[in-house]
PDB file of all heavy atoms in Angstrom:
ATOM      1  N   GLU A   1     -18.718  64.730 -65.936  1.00  0.00           N
ATOM      2  CA  GLU A   1     -18.109  64.058 -64.808  1.00  0.00           C
ATOM      3  C   GLU A   1     -17.397  62.793 -65.259  1.00  0.00           C
ATOM      4  O   GLU A   1     -17.771  62.167 -66.250  1.00  0.00           O
ATOM      5  CB  GLU A   1     -19.168  63.691 -63.760  1.00  0.00           C
ATOM      6  CG  GLU A   1     -19.955  64.870 -63.241  1.00  0.00           C
ATOM      7  CD  GLU A   1     -21.021  64.464 -62.255  1.00  0.00           C
ATOM      8  OE1 GLU A   1     -20.925  63.336 -61.709  1.00  0.00           O
ATOM      9  OE2 GLU A   1     -21.948  65.252 -62.017  1.00  0.00           O
ATOM     10  N   SER A   2     -16.397  62.411 -64.480  1.00  0.00           N
ATOM     11  CA  SER A   2     -15.676  61.180 -64.730  1.00  0.00           C
ATOM     12  C   SER A   2     -15.053  60.697 -63.426  1.00  0.00           C
ATOM     13  O   SER A   2     -14.959  61.447 -62.455  1.00  0.00           O
ATOM     14  CB  SER A   2     -14.594  61.370 -65.794  1.00  0.00           C
ATOM     15  OG  SER A   2     -13.632  62.313 -65.372  1.00  0.00           O
ATOM     16  N   GLY A   3     -14.627  59.443 -63.417  1.00  0.00           N
ATOM     17  CA  GLY A   3     -13.903  58.901 -62.286  1.00  0.00           C
ATOM     18  C   GLY A   3     -14.670  57.929 -61.422  1.00  0.00           C
ATOM     19  O   GLY A   3     -14.078  57.299 -60.537  1.00  0.00           O
ATOM     20  N   GLY A   4     -15.955  57.798 -61.641  1.00  0.00           N
ATOM     21  CA  GLY A   4     -16.728  56.860 -60.861  1.00  0.00           C
ATOM     22  C   GLY A   4     -16.432  55.425 -61.256  1.00  0.00           C
ATOM     23  O   GLY A   4     -15.744  55.154 -62.236  1.00  0.00           O
ATOM     24  N   GLY A   5     -16.948  54.505 -60.469  1.00  0.00           N
ATOM     25  CA  GLY A   5     -16.742  53.103 -60.760  1.00  0.00           C
ATOM     26  C   GLY A   5     -16.929  52.244 -59.540  1.00  0.00           C
ATOM     27  O   GLY A   5     -17.484  52.671 -58.529  1.00  0.00           O
ATOM     28  N   LEU A   6     -16.454  51.017 -59.648  1.00  0.00           N
ATOM     29  CA  LEU A   6     -16.553  50.026 -58.575  1.00  0.00           C
ATOM     30  C   LEU A   6     -15.242  49.977 -57.811  1.00  0.00           C
ATOM     31  O   LEU A   6     -14.162  49.876 -58.409  1.00  0.00           O
ATOM     32  CB  LEU A   6     -16.880  48.652 -59.155  1.00  0.00           C
ATOM     33  CG  LEU A   6     -16.923  47.481 -58.178  1.00  0.00           C
ATOM     34  CD1 LEU A   6     -18.064  47.660 -57.181  1.00  0.00           C
ATOM     35  CD2 LEU A   6     -17.070  46.172 -58.943  1.00  0.00           C
ATOM     36  N   VAL A   7     -15.338  50.032 -56.493  1.00  0.00           N
ATOM     37  CA  VAL A   7     -14.161  49.997 -55.646  1.00  0.00           C
ATOM     38  C   VAL A   7     -14.467  49.182 -54.397  1.00  0.00           C
ATOM     39  O   VAL A   7     -15.615  49.127 -53.944  1.00  0.00           O
ATOM     40  CB  VAL A   7     -13.705  51.427 -55.275  1.00  0.00           C
ATOM     41  CG1 VAL A   7     -14.760  52.125 -54.420  1.00  0.00           C
ATOM     42  CG2 VAL A   7     -12.356  51.407 -54.576  1.00  0.00           C
ATOM     43  N   GLN A   8     -13.453  48.539 -53.855  1.00  0.00           N
ATOM     44  CA  GLN A   8     -13.624  47.756 -52.632  1.00  0.00           C
ATOM     45  C   GLN A   8     -13.655  48.662 -51.409  1.00  0.00           C
ATOM     46  O   GLN A   8     -13.114  49.769 -51.433  1.00  0.00           O
ATOM     47  CB  GLN A   8     -12.490  46.742 -52.492  1.00  0.00           C
ATOM     48  CG  GLN A   8     -12.449  45.697 -53.591  1.00  0.00           C
ATOM     49  CD  GLN A   8     -11.347  44.679 -53.373  1.00  0.00           C
ATOM     50  OE1 GLN A   8     -10.855  44.494 -52.264  1.00  0.00           O
ATOM     51  NE2 GLN A   8     -10.970  43.998 -54.440  1.00  0.00           N
ATOM     52  N   PRO A   9     -14.276  48.205 -50.330  1.00  0.00           N
ATOM     53  CA  PRO A   9     -14.225  48.981 -49.092  1.00  0.00           C
ATOM     54  C   PRO A   9     -12.788  49.281 -48.686  1.00  0.00           C
ATOM     55  O   PRO A   9     -11.910  48.427 -48.774  1.00  0.00           O
ATOM     56  CB  PRO A   9     -14.909  48.068 -48.073  1.00  0.00           C
ATOM     57  CG  PRO A   9     -15.829  47.228 -48.896  1.00  0.00           C
ATOM     58  CD  PRO A   9     -15.106  46.995 -50.195  1.00  0.00           C
ATOM     59  N   GLY A  10     -12.568  50.509 -48.250  1.00  0.00           N
ATOM     60  CA  GLY A  10     -11.236  50.959 -47.914  1.00  0.00           C
ATOM     61  C   GLY A  10     -10.468  51.552 -49.072  1.00  0.00           C
ATOM     62  O   GLY A  10      -9.393  52.136 -48.864  1.00  0.00           O
ATOM     63  N   GLY A  11     -11.002  51.432 -50.266  1.00  0.00           N
ATOM     64  CA  GLY A  11     -10.334  51.936 -51.442  1.00  0.00           C
ATOM     65  C   GLY A  11     -10.567  53.413 -51.668  1.00  0.00           C
ATOM     66  O   GLY A  11     -11.206  54.102 -50.867  1.00  0.00           O
ATOM     67  N   SER A  12     -10.051  53.894 -52.792  1.00  0.00           N
ATOM     68  CA  SER A  12     -10.106  55.313 -53.115  1.00  0.00           C
ATOM     69  C   SER A  12     -10.566  55.524 -54.544  1.00  0.00           C
ATOM     70  O   SER A  12     -10.367  54.675 -55.419  1.00  0.00           O
ATOM     71  CB  SER A  12      -8.731  55.965 -52.942  1.00  0.00           C
ATOM     72  OG  SER A  12      -8.274  55.880 -51.605  1.00  0.00           O
ATOM     73  N   LEU A  13     -11.181  56.661 -54.764  1.00  0.00           N
ATOM     74  CA  LEU A  13     -11.555  57.122 -56.091  1.00  0.00           C
ATOM     75  C   LEU A  13     -11.361  58.621 -56.153  1.00  0.00           C
ATOM     76  O   LEU A  13     -11.470  59.310 -55.140  1.00  0.00           O
ATOM     77  CB  LEU A  13     -13.012  56.791 -56.420  1.00  0.00           C
ATOM     78  CG  LEU A  13     -13.383  55.355 -56.768  1.00  0.00           C
ATOM     79  CD1 LEU A  13     -14.900  55.239 -56.905  1.00  0.00           C
ATOM     80  CD2 LEU A  13     -12.703  54.917 -58.053  1.00  0.00           C
ATOM     81  N   ARG A  14     -11.103  59.101 -57.350  1.00  0.00           N
ATOM     82  CA  ARG A  14     -11.010  60.531 -57.575  1.00  0.00           C
ATOM     83  C   ARG A  14     -11.983  60.919 -58.681  1.00  0.00           C
ATOM     84  O   ARG A  14     -11.836  60.480 -59.822  1.00  0.00           O
ATOM     85  CB  ARG A  14      -9.600  60.954 -57.969  1.00  0.00           C
ATOM     86  CG  ARG A  14      -9.404  62.470 -57.981  1.00  0.00           C
ATOM     87  CD  ARG A  14      -8.094  62.861 -58.621  1.00  0.00           C
ATOM     88  NE  ARG A  14      -7.764  64.260 -58.392  1.00  0.00           N
ATOM     89  CZ  ARG A  14      -7.015  65.003 -59.204  1.00  0.00           C
ATOM     90  NH1 ARG A  14      -6.500  64.465 -60.293  1.00  0.00           N
ATOM     91  NH2 ARG A  14      -6.768  66.266 -58.912  1.00  0.00           N
ATOM     92  N   LEU A  15     -12.956  61.726 -58.336  1.00  0.00           N
ATOM     93  CA  LEU A  15     -13.936  62.200 -59.290  1.00  0.00           C
ATOM     94  C   LEU A  15     -13.500  63.542 -59.866  1.00  0.00           C
ATOM     95  O   LEU A  15     -12.913  64.364 -59.166  1.00  0.00           O
ATOM     96  CB  LEU A  15     -15.308  62.355 -58.633  1.00  0.00           C
ATOM     97  CG  LEU A  15     -15.874  61.135 -57.900  1.00  0.00           C
ATOM     98  CD1 LEU A  15     -17.271  61.451 -57.377  1.00  0.00           C
ATOM     99  CD2 LEU A  15     -15.892  59.918 -58.802  1.00  0.00           C
ATOM    100  N   SER A  16     -13.813  63.744 -61.129  1.00  0.00           N
ATOM    101  CA  SER A  16     -13.533  64.998 -61.794  1.00  0.00           C
ATOM    102  C   SER A  16     -14.786  65.504 -62.472  1.00  0.00           C
ATOM    103  O   SER A  16     -15.627  64.726 -62.919  1.00  0.00           O
ATOM    104  CB  SER A  16     -12.423  64.836 -62.846  1.00  0.00           C
ATOM    105  OG  SER A  16     -11.218  64.394 -62.270  1.00  0.00           O
ATOM    106  N   CYS A  17     -14.906  66.812 -62.559  1.00  0.00           N
ATOM    107  CA  CYS A  17     -16.019  67.436 -63.249  1.00  0.00           C
ATOM    108  C   CYS A  17     -15.500  68.674 -63.946  1.00  0.00           C
ATOM    109  O   CYS A  17     -15.035  69.608 -63.285  1.00  0.00           O
ATOM    110  CB  CYS A  17     -17.135  67.791 -62.262  1.00  0.00           C
ATOM    111  SG  CYS A  17     -18.540  68.644 -63.001  1.00  0.00           S
ATOM    112  N   ALA A  18     -15.579  68.678 -65.260  1.00  0.00           N
ATOM    113  CA  ALA A  18     -15.056  69.772 -66.062  1.00  0.00           C
ATOM    114  C   ALA A  18     -16.186  70.515 -66.756  1.00  0.00           C
ATOM    115  O   ALA A  18     -17.064  69.901 -67.361  1.00  0.00           O
ATOM    116  CB  ALA A  18     -14.065  69.249 -67.097  1.00  0.00           C
ATOM    117  N   ALA A  19     -16.136  71.821 -66.678  1.00  0.00           N
ATOM    118  CA  ALA A  19     -17.123  72.666 -67.331  1.00  0.00           C
ATOM    119  C   ALA A  19     -16.599  73.139 -68.679  1.00  0.00           C
ATOM    120  O   ALA A  19     -15.402  73.382 -68.851  1.00  0.00           O
ATOM    121  CB  ALA A  19     -17.467  73.871 -66.463  1.00  0.00           C
ATOM    122  N   SER A  20     -17.499  73.264 -69.629  1.00  0.00           N
ATOM    123  CA  SER A  20     -17.144  73.776 -70.943  1.00  0.00           C
ATOM    124  C   SER A  20     -18.257  74.677 -71.442  1.00  0.00           C
ATOM    125  O   SER A  20     -19.383  74.630 -70.955  1.00  0.00           O
ATOM    126  CB  SER A  20     -16.885  72.639 -71.935  1.00  0.00           C
ATOM    127  OG  SER A  20     -18.054  71.863 -72.136  1.00  0.00           O
ATOM    128  N   GLY A  21     -17.934  75.478 -72.442  1.00  0.00           N
ATOM    129  CA  GLY A  21     -18.897  76.396 -73.003  1.00  0.00           C
ATOM    130  C   GLY A  21     -18.441  77.832 -72.847  1.00  0.00           C
ATOM    131  O   GLY A  21     -17.293  78.115 -72.504  1.00  0.00           O
ATOM    132  N   SER A  22     -19.345  78.742 -73.117  1.00  0.00           N
ATOM    133  CA  SER A  22     -19.044  80.168 -73.025  1.00  0.00           C
ATOM    134  C   SER A  22     -19.198  80.622 -71.586  1.00  0.00           C
ATOM    135  O   SER A  22     -20.278  81.028 -71.150  1.00  0.00           O
ATOM    136  CB  SER A  22     -19.961  80.962 -73.951  1.00  0.00           C
ATOM    137  OG  SER A  22     -19.776  80.579 -75.301  1.00  0.00           O
ATOM    138  N   ILE A  23     -18.109  80.550 -70.853  1.00  0.00           N
ATOM    139  CA  ILE A  23     -18.113  80.811 -69.423  1.00  0.00           C
ATOM    140  C   ILE A  23     -17.238  82.000 -69.112  1.00  0.00           C
ATOM    141  O   ILE A  23     -16.076  82.057 -69.512  1.00  0.00           O
ATOM    142  CB  ILE A  23     -17.624  79.578 -68.645  1.00  0.00           C
ATOM    143  CG1 ILE A  23     -18.572  78.397 -68.862  1.00  0.00           C
ATOM    144  CG2 ILE A  23     -17.488  79.903 -67.159  1.00  0.00           C
ATOM    145  CD1 ILE A  23     -18.076  77.097 -68.296  1.00  0.00           C
ATOM    146  N   PHE A  24     -17.802  82.935 -68.380  1.00  0.00           N
ATOM    147  CA  PHE A  24     -17.023  84.068 -67.912  1.00  0.00           C
ATOM    148  C   PHE A  24     -16.269  83.710 -66.637  1.00  0.00           C
ATOM    149  O   PHE A  24     -15.066  83.961 -66.526  1.00  0.00           O
ATOM    150  CB  PHE A  24     -17.920  85.286 -67.680  1.00  0.00           C
ATOM    151  CG  PHE A  24     -17.197  86.446 -67.051  1.00  0.00           C
ATOM    152  CD1 PHE A  24     -16.363  87.241 -67.809  1.00  0.00           C
ATOM    153  CD2 PHE A  24     -17.342  86.733 -65.703  1.00  0.00           C
ATOM    154  CE1 PHE A  24     -15.678  88.306 -67.249  1.00  0.00           C
ATOM    155  CE2 PHE A  24     -16.675  87.795 -65.131  1.00  0.00           C
ATOM    156  CZ  PHE A  24     -15.837  88.586 -65.906  1.00  0.00           C
ATOM    157  N   SER A  25     -16.975  83.139 -65.686  1.00  0.00           N
ATOM    158  CA  SER A  25     -16.356  82.737 -64.439  1.00  0.00           C
ATOM    159  C   SER A  25     -17.257  81.732 -63.741  1.00  0.00           C
ATOM    160  O   SER A  25     -18.421  81.568 -64.086  1.00  0.00           O
ATOM    161  CB  SER A  25     -16.076  83.938 -63.523  1.00  0.00           C
ATOM    162  OG  SER A  25     -17.293  84.548 -63.116  1.00  0.00           O
ATOM    163  N   ILE A  26     -16.689  81.075 -62.740  1.00  0.00           N
ATOM    164  CA  ILE A  26     -17.419  80.104 -61.947  1.00  0.00           C
ATOM    165  C   ILE A  26     -17.234  80.452 -60.483  1.00  0.00           C
ATOM    166  O   ILE A  26     -16.103  80.618 -60.018  1.00  0.00           O
ATOM    167  CB  ILE A  26     -16.933  78.674 -62.216  1.00  0.00           C
ATOM    168  CG1 ILE A  26     -17.040  78.338 -63.705  1.00  0.00           C
ATOM    169  CG2 ILE A  26     -17.730  77.676 -61.381  1.00  0.00           C
ATOM    170  CD1 ILE A  26     -16.448  77.001 -64.076  1.00  0.00           C
ATOM    171  N   ASN A  27     -18.335  80.554 -59.786  1.00  0.00           N
ATOM    172  CA  ASN A  27     -18.264  80.846 -58.363  1.00  0.00           C
ATOM    173  C   ASN A  27     -18.102  79.538 -57.586  1.00  0.00           C
ATOM    174  O   ASN A  27     -17.093  78.862 -57.721  1.00  0.00           O
ATOM    175  CB  ASN A  27     -19.492  81.644 -57.931  1.00  0.00           C
ATOM    176  CG  ASN A  27     -19.544  83.005 -58.611  1.00  0.00           C
ATOM    177  OD1 ASN A  27     -18.516  83.647 -58.822  1.00  0.00           O
ATOM    178  ND2 ASN A  27     -20.740  83.457 -58.953  1.00  0.00           N
ATOM    179  N   ALA A  28     -19.090  79.173 -56.800  1.00  0.00           N
ATOM    180  CA  ALA A  28     -18.967  77.962 -56.003  1.00  0.00           C
ATOM    181  C   ALA A  28     -19.023  76.715 -56.872  1.00  0.00           C
ATOM    182  O   ALA A  28     -19.712  76.668 -57.891  1.00  0.00           O
ATOM    183  CB  ALA A  28     -20.059  77.913 -54.941  1.00  0.00           C
ATOM    184  N   MET A  29     -18.281  75.703 -56.469  1.00  0.00           N
ATOM    185  CA  MET A  29     -18.336  74.377 -57.056  1.00  0.00           C
ATOM    186  C   MET A  29     -18.627  73.377 -55.941  1.00  0.00           C
ATOM    187  O   MET A  29     -18.245  73.604 -54.790  1.00  0.00           O
ATOM    188  CB  MET A  29     -17.020  73.999 -57.728  1.00  0.00           C
ATOM    189  CG  MET A  29     -16.585  74.918 -58.851  1.00  0.00           C
ATOM    190  SD  MET A  29     -14.992  74.359 -59.556  1.00  0.00           S
ATOM    191  CE  MET A  29     -14.757  75.553 -60.871  1.00  0.00           C
ATOM    192  N   GLY A  30     -19.267  72.283 -56.288  1.00  0.00           N
ATOM    193  CA  GLY A  30     -19.572  71.325 -55.242  1.00  0.00           C
ATOM    194  C   GLY A  30     -19.938  69.961 -55.768  1.00  0.00           C
ATOM    195  O   GLY A  30     -20.111  69.753 -56.972  1.00  0.00           O
ATOM    196  N   TRP A  31     -20.032  69.039 -54.827  1.00  0.00           N
ATOM    197  CA  TRP A  31     -20.435  67.671 -55.094  1.00  0.00           C
ATOM    198  C   TRP A  31     -21.597  67.294 -54.195  1.00  0.00           C
ATOM    199  O   TRP A  31     -21.603  67.620 -52.995  1.00  0.00           O
ATOM    200  CB  TRP A  31     -19.280  66.690 -54.855  1.00  0.00           C
ATOM    201  CG  TRP A  31     -18.169  66.808 -55.850  1.00  0.00           C
ATOM    202  CD1 TRP A  31     -17.043  67.561 -55.740  1.00  0.00           C
ATOM    203  CD2 TRP A  31     -18.087  66.139 -57.109  1.00  0.00           C
ATOM    204  NE1 TRP A  31     -16.258  67.411 -56.851  1.00  0.00           N
ATOM    205  CE2 TRP A  31     -16.870  66.551 -57.708  1.00  0.00           C
ATOM    206  CE3 TRP A  31     -18.908  65.248 -57.789  1.00  0.00           C
ATOM    207  CZ2 TRP A  31     -16.467  66.081 -58.961  1.00  0.00           C
ATOM    208  CZ3 TRP A  31     -18.503  64.789 -59.031  1.00  0.00           C
ATOM    209  CH2 TRP A  31     -17.302  65.205 -59.605  1.00  0.00           C
ATOM    210  N   TYR A  32     -22.552  66.604 -54.765  1.00  0.00           N
ATOM    211  CA  TYR A  32     -23.692  66.062 -54.048  1.00  0.00           C
ATOM    212  C   TYR A  32     -23.828  64.595 -54.412  1.00  0.00           C
ATOM    213  O   TYR A  32     -23.307  64.147 -55.431  1.00  0.00           O
ATOM    214  CB  TYR A  32     -24.974  66.815 -54.405  1.00  0.00           C
ATOM    215  CG  TYR A  32     -24.946  68.270 -53.999  1.00  0.00           C
ATOM    216  CD1 TYR A  32     -24.212  69.207 -54.726  1.00  0.00           C
ATOM    217  CD2 TYR A  32     -25.657  68.711 -52.877  1.00  0.00           C
ATOM    218  CE1 TYR A  32     -24.177  70.539 -54.345  1.00  0.00           C
ATOM    219  CE2 TYR A  32     -25.628  70.046 -52.501  1.00  0.00           C
ATOM    220  CZ  TYR A  32     -24.887  70.946 -53.240  1.00  0.00           C
ATOM    221  OH  TYR A  32     -24.859  72.265 -52.860  1.00  0.00           O
ATOM    222  N   ARG A  33     -24.524  63.860 -53.585  1.00  0.00           N
ATOM    223  CA  ARG A  33     -24.730  62.458 -53.895  1.00  0.00           C
ATOM    224  C   ARG A  33     -26.138  62.032 -53.510  1.00  0.00           C
ATOM    225  O   ARG A  33     -26.781  62.639 -52.659  1.00  0.00           O
ATOM    226  CB  ARG A  33     -23.703  61.573 -53.184  1.00  0.00           C
ATOM    227  CG  ARG A  33     -23.917  61.430 -51.687  1.00  0.00           C
ATOM    228  CD  ARG A  33     -22.811  60.596 -51.069  1.00  0.00           C
ATOM    229  NE  ARG A  33     -23.079  60.285 -49.674  1.00  0.00           N
ATOM    230  CZ  ARG A  33     -22.237  59.640 -48.881  1.00  0.00           C
ATOM    231  NH1 ARG A  33     -21.058  59.238 -49.348  1.00  0.00           N
ATOM    232  NH2 ARG A  33     -22.569  59.396 -47.617  1.00  0.00           N
ATOM    233  N   GLN A  34     -26.582  60.968 -54.152  1.00  0.00           N
ATOM    234  CA  GLN A  34     -27.899  60.431 -53.877  1.00  0.00           C
ATOM    235  C   GLN A  34     -27.823  58.912 -53.916  1.00  0.00           C
ATOM    236  O   GLN A  34     -27.609  58.319 -54.975  1.00  0.00           O
ATOM    237  CB  GLN A  34     -28.929  60.934 -54.883  1.00  0.00           C
ATOM    238  CG  GLN A  34     -30.358  60.532 -54.557  1.00  0.00           C
ATOM    239  CD  GLN A  34     -31.377  61.296 -55.385  1.00  0.00           C
ATOM    240  OE1 GLN A  34     -31.046  61.850 -56.430  1.00  0.00           O
ATOM    241  NE2 GLN A  34     -32.607  61.334 -54.919  1.00  0.00           N
ATOM    242  N   GLY A  35     -27.978  58.305 -52.757  1.00  0.00           N
ATOM    243  CA  GLY A  35     -28.022  56.862 -52.675  1.00  0.00           C
ATOM    244  C   GLY A  35     -29.403  56.348 -53.000  1.00  0.00           C
ATOM    245  O   GLY A  35     -30.381  57.093 -53.053  1.00  0.00           O
ATOM    246  N   SER A  36     -29.485  55.051 -53.214  1.00  0.00           N
ATOM    247  CA  SER A  36     -30.755  54.429 -53.559  1.00  0.00           C
ATOM    248  C   SER A  36     -31.772  54.652 -52.442  1.00  0.00           C
ATOM    249  O   SER A  36     -31.521  54.319 -51.286  1.00  0.00           O
ATOM    250  CB  SER A  36     -30.547  52.938 -53.797  1.00  0.00           C
ATOM    251  OG  SER A  36     -31.765  52.291 -54.111  1.00  0.00           O
ATOM    252  N   GLY A  37     -32.904  55.218 -52.799  1.00  0.00           N
ATOM    253  CA  GLY A  37     -33.953  55.476 -51.838  1.00  0.00           C
ATOM    254  C   GLY A  37     -33.665  56.597 -50.865  1.00  0.00           C
ATOM    255  O   GLY A  37     -34.384  56.743 -49.874  1.00  0.00           O
ATOM    256  N   LYS A  38     -32.635  57.379 -51.130  1.00  0.00           N
ATOM    257  CA  LYS A  38     -32.240  58.458 -50.227  1.00  0.00           C
ATOM    258  C   LYS A  38     -32.417  59.817 -50.886  1.00  0.00           C
ATOM    259  O   LYS A  38     -32.549  59.932 -52.098  1.00  0.00           O
ATOM    260  CB  LYS A  38     -30.776  58.282 -49.804  1.00  0.00           C
ATOM    261  CG  LYS A  38     -30.449  56.937 -49.187  1.00  0.00           C
ATOM    262  CD  LYS A  38     -31.136  56.750 -47.858  1.00  0.00           C
ATOM    263  CE  LYS A  38     -30.712  55.445 -47.218  1.00  0.00           C
ATOM    264  NZ  LYS A  38     -31.371  55.235 -45.900  1.00  0.00           N
ATOM    265  N   GLN A  39     -32.411  60.835 -50.054  1.00  0.00           N
ATOM    266  CA  GLN A  39     -32.434  62.204 -50.553  1.00  0.00           C
ATOM    267  C   GLN A  39     -31.041  62.620 -51.011  1.00  0.00           C
ATOM    268  O   GLN A  39     -30.028  62.117 -50.509  1.00  0.00           O
ATOM    269  CB  GLN A  39     -32.923  63.160 -49.465  1.00  0.00           C
ATOM    270  CG  GLN A  39     -34.343  62.917 -49.002  1.00  0.00           C
ATOM    271  CD  GLN A  39     -35.345  63.266 -50.068  1.00  0.00           C
ATOM    272  OE1 GLN A  39     -35.239  64.306 -50.723  1.00  0.00           O
ATOM    273  NE2 GLN A  39     -36.334  62.400 -50.255  1.00  0.00           N
ATOM    274  N   ARG A  40     -31.005  63.522 -51.957  1.00  0.00           N
ATOM    275  CA  ARG A  40     -29.724  64.057 -52.375  1.00  0.00           C
ATOM    276  C   ARG A  40     -29.125  64.876 -51.235  1.00  0.00           C
ATOM    277  O   ARG A  40     -29.820  65.666 -50.590  1.00  0.00           O
ATOM    278  CB  ARG A  40     -29.878  64.918 -53.629  1.00  0.00           C
ATOM    279  CG  ARG A  40     -28.563  65.396 -54.213  1.00  0.00           C
ATOM    280  CD  ARG A  40     -28.742  66.031 -55.581  1.00  0.00           C
ATOM    281  NE  ARG A  40     -29.275  65.086 -56.553  1.00  0.00           N
ATOM    282  CZ  ARG A  40     -29.399  65.345 -57.848  1.00  0.00           C
ATOM    283  NH1 ARG A  40     -29.028  66.525 -58.334  1.00  0.00           N
ATOM    284  NH2 ARG A  40     -29.904  64.431 -58.665  1.00  0.00           N
ATOM    285  N   GLU A  41     -27.846  64.677 -50.984  1.00  0.00           N
ATOM    286  CA  GLU A  41     -27.199  65.332 -49.872  1.00  0.00           C
ATOM    287  C   GLU A  41     -25.883  65.966 -50.294  1.00  0.00           C
ATOM    288  O   GLU A  41     -25.238  65.538 -51.248  1.00  0.00           O
ATOM    289  CB  GLU A  41     -26.956  64.350 -48.717  1.00  0.00           C
ATOM    290  CG  GLU A  41     -26.036  63.195 -49.067  1.00  0.00           C
ATOM    291  CD  GLU A  41     -25.862  62.215 -47.920  1.00  0.00           C
ATOM    292  OE1 GLU A  41     -26.224  62.551 -46.776  1.00  0.00           O
ATOM    293  OE2 GLU A  41     -25.358  61.100 -48.170  1.00  0.00           O
TER     294      GLU A  41
END
């Protein structure tokens, strides 16, 4: 993964996640997050 960082409220970020290795295909892709003291969502 890449693209994270510090941003001001109202700002924008673009996250990227690249897979590598011996891969035939990839089905679903997704993003999850976990805030401090929170469940992953």
